[in-house]
Amino acid sequence: MSMELASRGYDLLLVSNQQEQLNDSKASIEKKHRVTCHILFKDLTAPNSANEIYEHCKANQLEVEILVNNAGMLIFSESMATPVPRINALLQLHINTPTMLCRLFAEEMKAKKRGRILNVSSISAVMPYPGISLYGPSKTYLRYFTRALRHELRIYDVGVTCLLPGATDTGLYDPNRINLRLAKRLGIMQNPEYVAKKAVKRLLKNKAECIPGIMNKLALCALPLLPQWVIFQLHKRTGLVKKGSDALG
């Protein structure tokens, strides 16, 4: 999404807890596009990270016209088998930090009567399933928060969009556990470039939601209809009933 926005002439501030990837992204973006790319090394699972990002922007006179909340982590495990620090980190990253970033930056957008916000949820927002009992519901919160925020800011000419992608070939998935090439060939997984292009296009058109791909649109309607006995049988087949696992990105 950074590349997609840079291709449209936007200067960027990239925030991540991965210093090397930040440096590489900055060099790649500035080489390909005539924009300025700022970077900020920050752990978004830290409780005060949203305030620190906001203060960084104020101190460096960086006016945020578009806010994108895209950081995420995936824990595939029974909640009872997940260490408490991991639970706190996921909830902070998916709920508290994006909520506070919206609160802080939307206040300025509201005063100026311009701006855009893109929050990244997931089709798992309609999947309160075993194994993703933390991930899915946290994305559900983000979807409905985004929908409510959109109505609150609409009268101030500030647009808010929610992206609900399916499986996407990013660092969220462990290639040692998932055959990414096969998943993309079967249409189960999408390229990040495709998802980003769709997301930014919908954002700039001020659309309420972006669901990239026909399969994801169908899944968003069909998944909530699965009977509980089917979900239980799937749960048993994953092996999580006896043993939990932790898959994260």
Foldseek 3Di string as FASTA:
>chain_A
DVLLVLVVPDEEEAEEQDVVVLVVVQVVSVVVHVHHYHYDNDQQLDQCRLVVVLVVCVVVVNQAQEAELDDAKAWQAAPVPDDPVVLSSRLSSLPVNVVSNCVRNVVVCLVVLHHFYEYEAALLCLPCAHRRVRRNVSSVVVLVVQLVVQVVRVVSNYATEYEYEYAEPDPFFDCVVDVVVVCVVVVRYYYPVQSVNQRVVCRVVRHHYTYPDPVRVVCSVCVNVDDPVVSVVVVVVVVNVPPIDTRID
